[in-house]
Amino acid sequence: MILNIPDIQKILPHRYPFLLVDQIVELEIGKSVKGIKNVTFNEPYFNGHFPGNPVMPGVLQLEAMAQAAGILIIRHNNWVPKPAFFMSADKVKFRKPVCPGDQLRIHAKLTKIRNNKIAIAEVSCSVDGQVVSSAELMIAILEEPGAE
C-alpha cells in the first residue's frame, strides 16, 4: 500500500511545516510501516541549524518516526482516524547527521499494543542504507473530549 501526502493528511492532523512524512511506501497493518521524508534545503529549520553546515535536528527525526508510528497505530484494526500522541521515547540514538538532499527512510514496527489505545514501536531512520537514528516510542490514541 502506498500513501501520498493527501492520504497521509487524512490520517494525521499535521500540516506544513510540521508534516514530516512525505510518503508511505509500505504498510503492513498491525505490524510495520515504511515511510520517506525527502530532506530539502528549503526546510525552515536549516536557516539556524546550522548556518553554513545545515543538519536536520535530531528531535525532528524523532518526530518523523513518531508520525510514521502514528500512521501505523491509527490504521491498526482500521481505527477511525483519531489523534495519535507521542507519549515517550526510550533508547534514543543519533548516529550520523542528516543533511539537505538526503532521503530519510523511516521504519516503524509495532512491538506491543495495550487496550487498542497505547502502542510501543521500534523505529529507525536510515539514509543510503545506514541507520542514522533510532528509538523505542510510545504512542497513544486519545479519545476526543466528551467521547465515550
C-alpha atoms as a PDB file:
ATOM      1  CA  MET A   1       0.000   0.000   0.000  1.00  0.00           C
ATOM      2  CA  ILE A   2       1.326   3.457  -0.851  1.00  0.00           C
ATOM      3  CA  LEU A   3       0.092   6.660   0.774  1.00  0.00           C
ATOM      4  CA  ASN A   4       0.960  10.091  -0.602  1.00  0.00           C
ATOM      5  CA  ILE A   5       0.708  13.422   1.205  1.00  0.00           C
ATOM      6  CA  PRO A   6      -3.082  13.883   0.684  1.00  0.00           C
ATOM      7  CA  ASP A   7      -3.627  10.330   2.016  1.00  0.00           C
ATOM      8  CA  ILE A   8      -1.341  10.986   4.995  1.00  0.00           C
ATOM      9  CA  GLN A   9      -3.185  14.235   5.752  1.00  0.00           C
ATOM     10  CA  LYS A  10      -6.415  12.231   6.029  1.00  0.00           C
ATOM     11  CA  ILE A  11      -4.767  10.230   8.836  1.00  0.00           C
ATOM     12  CA  LEU A  12      -2.535  12.744  10.625  1.00  0.00           C
ATOM     13  CA  PRO A  13      -3.524  16.271  11.704  1.00  0.00           C
ATOM     14  CA  HIS A  14      -0.018  17.636  10.953  1.00  0.00           C
ATOM     15  CA  ARG A  15       0.442  20.224   8.205  1.00  0.00           C
ATOM     16  CA  TYR A  16       3.351  22.170   6.692  1.00  0.00           C
ATOM     17  CA  PRO A  17       5.896  22.834   8.047  1.00  0.00           C
ATOM     18  CA  PHE A  18       5.393  20.083  10.614  1.00  0.00           C
ATOM     19  CA  LEU A  19       4.241  17.166   8.463  1.00  0.00           C
ATOM     20  CA  LEU A  20       7.487  15.174   8.323  1.00  0.00           C
ATOM     21  CA  VAL A  21       6.395  12.111   6.323  1.00  0.00           C
ATOM     22  CA  ASP A  22       6.168  12.635   2.563  1.00  0.00           C
ATOM     23  CA  GLN A  23       5.123   9.133   1.551  1.00  0.00           C
ATOM     24  CA  ILE A  24       4.308   5.713   2.966  1.00  0.00           C
ATOM     25  CA  VAL A  25       5.860   3.099   0.696  1.00  0.00           C
ATOM     26  CA  GLU A  26       4.894   0.011   2.697  1.00  0.00           C
ATOM     27  CA  LEU A  27       2.209  -0.613   5.293  1.00  0.00           C
ATOM     28  CA  GLU A  28       1.533  -3.950   6.906  1.00  0.00           C
ATOM     29  CA  ILE A  29      -1.500  -3.262   9.097  1.00  0.00           C
ATOM     30  CA  GLY A  30      -0.800  -4.051  12.740  1.00  0.00           C
ATOM     31  CA  LYS A  31       2.856  -4.836  12.065  1.00  0.00           C
ATOM     32  CA  SER A  32       5.059  -2.271  10.353  1.00  0.00           C
ATOM     33  CA  VAL A  33       5.290   0.791   8.149  1.00  0.00           C
ATOM     34  CA  LYS A  34       7.978   2.261   5.925  1.00  0.00           C
ATOM     35  CA  GLY A  35       7.932   5.926   5.005  1.00  0.00           C
ATOM     36  CA  ILE A  36      10.036   8.575   3.329  1.00  0.00           C
ATOM     37  CA  LYS A  37      10.969  12.128   4.266  1.00  0.00           C
ATOM     38  CA  ASN A  38      12.786  13.986   1.497  1.00  0.00           C
ATOM     39  CA  VAL A  39      15.101  16.422   3.254  1.00  0.00           C
ATOM     40  CA  THR A  40      15.419  19.613   1.200  1.00  0.00           C
ATOM     41  CA  PHE A  41      17.453  22.759   1.697  1.00  0.00           C
ATOM     42  CA  ASN A  42      14.144  24.680   1.820  1.00  0.00           C
ATOM     43  CA  GLU A  43      13.255  23.243   5.257  1.00  0.00           C
ATOM     44  CA  PRO A  44      12.696  26.268   7.552  1.00  0.00           C
ATOM     45  CA  TYR A  45      14.956  24.972  10.343  1.00  0.00           C
ATOM     46  CA  PHE A  46      18.087  24.953   8.155  1.00  0.00           C
ATOM     47  CA  ASN A  47      18.349  28.765   8.436  1.00  0.00           C
ATOM     48  CA  GLY A  48      19.502  28.405  12.019  1.00  0.00           C
ATOM     49  CA  HIS A  49      20.583  24.739  12.333  1.00  0.00           C
ATOM     50  CA  PHE A  50      23.379  25.370  11.396  1.00  0.00           C
ATOM     51  CA  PRO A  51      24.345  28.279   9.084  1.00  0.00           C
ATOM     52  CA  GLY A  52      26.992  27.014   6.672  1.00  0.00           C
ATOM     53  CA  ASN A  53      26.565  23.418   7.857  1.00  0.00           C
ATOM     54  CA  PRO A  54      22.849  22.512   7.675  1.00  0.00           C
ATOM     55  CA  VAL A  55      21.882  19.468   9.764  1.00  0.00           C
ATOM     56  CA  MET A  56      18.359  18.135  10.377  1.00  0.00           C
ATOM     57  CA  PRO A  57      17.694  18.398  14.123  1.00  0.00           C
ATOM     58  CA  GLY A  58      17.537  15.028  15.870  1.00  0.00           C
ATOM     59  CA  VAL A  59      14.285  15.983  17.555  1.00  0.00           C
ATOM     60  CA  LEU A  60      12.682  16.354  14.101  1.00  0.00           C
ATOM     61  CA  GLN A  61      13.964  12.924  13.095  1.00  0.00           C
ATOM     62  CA  LEU A  62      12.293  11.642  16.260  1.00  0.00           C
ATOM     63  CA  GLU A  63       9.075  13.456  15.310  1.00  0.00           C
ATOM     64  CA  ALA A  64       9.179  11.927  11.798  1.00  0.00           C
ATOM     65  CA  MET A  65       9.500   8.483  13.403  1.00  0.00           C
ATOM     66  CA  ALA A  66       6.577   9.271  15.735  1.00  0.00           C
ATOM     67  CA  GLN A  67       4.420  10.386  12.793  1.00  0.00           C
ATOM     68  CA  ALA A  68       5.153   7.170  10.883  1.00  0.00           C
ATOM     69  CA  ALA A  69       4.382   5.122  14.008  1.00  0.00           C
ATOM     70  CA  GLY A  70       1.200   7.168  14.467  1.00  0.00           C
ATOM     71  CA  ILE A  71       0.042   6.243  10.965  1.00  0.00           C
ATOM     72  CA  LEU A  72       0.706   2.586  11.734  1.00  0.00           C
ATOM     73  CA  ILE A  73      -1.173   2.685  15.023  1.00  0.00           C
ATOM     74  CA  ILE A  74      -4.143   4.658  13.684  1.00  0.00           C
ATOM     75  CA  ARG A  75      -4.506   2.212  10.784  1.00  0.00           C
ATOM     76  CA  HIS A  76      -4.270  -0.816  13.121  1.00  0.00           C
ATOM     77  CA  ASN A  77      -7.606  -2.642  13.086  1.00  0.00           C
ATOM     78  CA  ASN A  78      -8.989   0.041  10.758  1.00  0.00           C
ATOM     79  CA  TRP A  79      -9.274   2.542  13.584  1.00  0.00           C
ATOM     80  CA  VAL A  80     -11.160   5.669  12.683  1.00  0.00           C
ATOM     81  CA  PRO A  81      -8.568   8.446  12.411  1.00  0.00           C
ATOM     82  CA  LYS A  82      -8.113   9.995  15.840  1.00  0.00           C
ATOM     83  CA  PRO A  83      -5.193  11.977  17.163  1.00  0.00           C
ATOM     84  CA  ALA A  84      -2.130   9.850  17.911  1.00  0.00           C
ATOM     85  CA  PHE A  85       0.007  11.432  20.607  1.00  0.00           C
ATOM     86  CA  PHE A  86       3.738  10.884  21.007  1.00  0.00           C
ATOM     87  CA  MET A  87       3.977   9.960  24.715  1.00  0.00           C
ATOM     88  CA  SER A  88       7.566   8.865  25.351  1.00  0.00           C
ATOM     89  CA  ALA A  89      10.873   7.920  23.776  1.00  0.00           C
ATOM     90  CA  ASP A  90      13.387   5.412  25.101  1.00  0.00           C
ATOM     91  CA  LYS A  91      16.676   4.083  23.761  1.00  0.00           C
ATOM     92  CA  VAL A  92      17.089   7.141  21.514  1.00  0.00           C
ATOM     93  CA  LYS A  93      20.279   7.193  19.446  1.00  0.00           C
ATOM     94  CA  PHE A  94      21.542   9.600  16.807  1.00  0.00           C
ATOM     95  CA  ARG A  95      24.392   8.099  14.804  1.00  0.00           C
ATOM     96  CA  LYS A  96      25.028  10.323  11.771  1.00  0.00           C
ATOM     97  CA  PRO A  97      23.975  13.789  10.601  1.00  0.00           C
ATOM     98  CA  VAL A  98      21.091  14.155   8.149  1.00  0.00           C
ATOM     99  CA  CYS A  99      21.657  16.924   5.589  1.00  0.00           C
ATOM    100  CA  PRO A 100      19.795  18.585   2.719  1.00  0.00           C
ATOM    101  CA  GLY A 101      19.485  16.200  -0.220  1.00  0.00           C
ATOM    102  CA  ASP A 102      19.220  13.118   1.982  1.00  0.00           C
ATOM    103  CA  GLN A 103      16.229  10.831   1.706  1.00  0.00           C
ATOM    104  CA  LEU A 104      15.253   9.738   5.196  1.00  0.00           C
ATOM    105  CA  ARG A 105      13.752   6.248   5.160  1.00  0.00           C
ATOM    106  CA  ILE A 106      11.616   5.714   8.244  1.00  0.00           C
ATOM    107  CA  HIS A 107      10.746   2.262   9.561  1.00  0.00           C
ATOM    108  CA  ALA A 108       8.371   1.588  12.455  1.00  0.00           C
ATOM    109  CA  LYS A 109       7.476  -1.828  13.836  1.00  0.00           C
ATOM    110  CA  LEU A 110       4.766  -2.383  16.459  1.00  0.00           C
ATOM    111  CA  THR A 111       6.063  -4.400  19.388  1.00  0.00           C
ATOM    112  CA  LYS A 112       3.202  -4.049  21.872  1.00  0.00           C
ATOM    113  CA  ILE A 113      -0.388  -2.775  21.946  1.00  0.00           C
ATOM    114  CA  ARG A 114      -2.351  -2.209  25.141  1.00  0.00           C
ATOM    115  CA  ASN A 115      -6.135  -1.804  25.175  1.00  0.00           C
ATOM    116  CA  ASN A 116      -6.043  -0.918  21.462  1.00  0.00           C
ATOM    117  CA  LYS A 117      -5.091   2.619  22.533  1.00  0.00           C
ATOM    118  CA  ILE A 118      -1.448   2.612  23.579  1.00  0.00           C
ATOM    119  CA  ALA A 119       1.315   1.129  21.470  1.00  0.00           C
ATOM    120  CA  ILE A 120       5.063   0.677  21.628  1.00  0.00           C
ATOM    121  CA  ALA A 121       7.004   0.812  18.370  1.00  0.00           C
ATOM    122  CA  GLU A 122      10.634   0.240  17.474  1.00  0.00           C
ATOM    123  CA  VAL A 123      11.549   2.944  14.979  1.00  0.00           C
ATOM    124  CA  SER A 124      14.548   3.936  12.924  1.00  0.00           C
ATOM    125  CA  CYS A 125      15.635   6.330  10.205  1.00  0.00           C
ATOM    126  CA  SER A 126      18.218   5.456   7.591  1.00  0.00           C
ATOM    127  CA  VAL A 127      19.974   7.283   4.766  1.00  0.00           C
ATOM    128  CA  ASP A 128      21.553   5.309   1.929  1.00  0.00           C
ATOM    129  CA  GLY A 129      21.013   2.070   3.857  1.00  0.00           C
ATOM    130  CA  GLN A 130      22.776   3.271   7.034  1.00  0.00           C
ATOM    131  CA  VAL A 131      20.812   3.815  10.260  1.00  0.00           C
ATOM    132  CA  VAL A 132      21.130   7.451  11.320  1.00  0.00           C
ATOM    133  CA  SER A 133      18.719   7.431  14.284  1.00  0.00           C
ATOM    134  CA  SER A 134      16.578   5.007  16.254  1.00  0.00           C
ATOM    135  CA  ALA A 135      14.311   4.817  19.288  1.00  0.00           C
ATOM    136  CA  GLU A 136      11.530   2.981  21.059  1.00  0.00           C
ATOM    137  CA  LEU A 137       8.396   5.145  21.112  1.00  0.00           C
ATOM    138  CA  MET A 138       5.110   5.057  22.978  1.00  0.00           C
ATOM    139  CA  ILE A 139       2.170   6.412  21.012  1.00  0.00           C
ATOM    140  CA  ALA A 140      -1.353   6.774  22.417  1.00  0.00           C
ATOM    141  CA  ILE A 141      -4.689   7.143  20.654  1.00  0.00           C
ATOM    142  CA  LEU A 142      -6.743   9.547  22.724  1.00  0.00           C
ATOM    143  CA  GLU A 143     -10.493   9.888  22.569  1.00  0.00           C
ATOM    144  CA  GLU A 144     -11.922  13.255  21.658  1.00  0.00           C
ATOM    145  CA  PRO A 145     -13.121  15.262  24.688  1.00  0.00           C
ATOM    146  CA  GLY A 146     -16.596  14.102  25.610  1.00  0.00           C
ATOM    147  CA  ALA A 147     -16.342  10.814  23.684  1.00  0.00           C
ATOM    148  CA  GLU A 148     -17.097   7.618  25.496  1.00  0.00           C
END
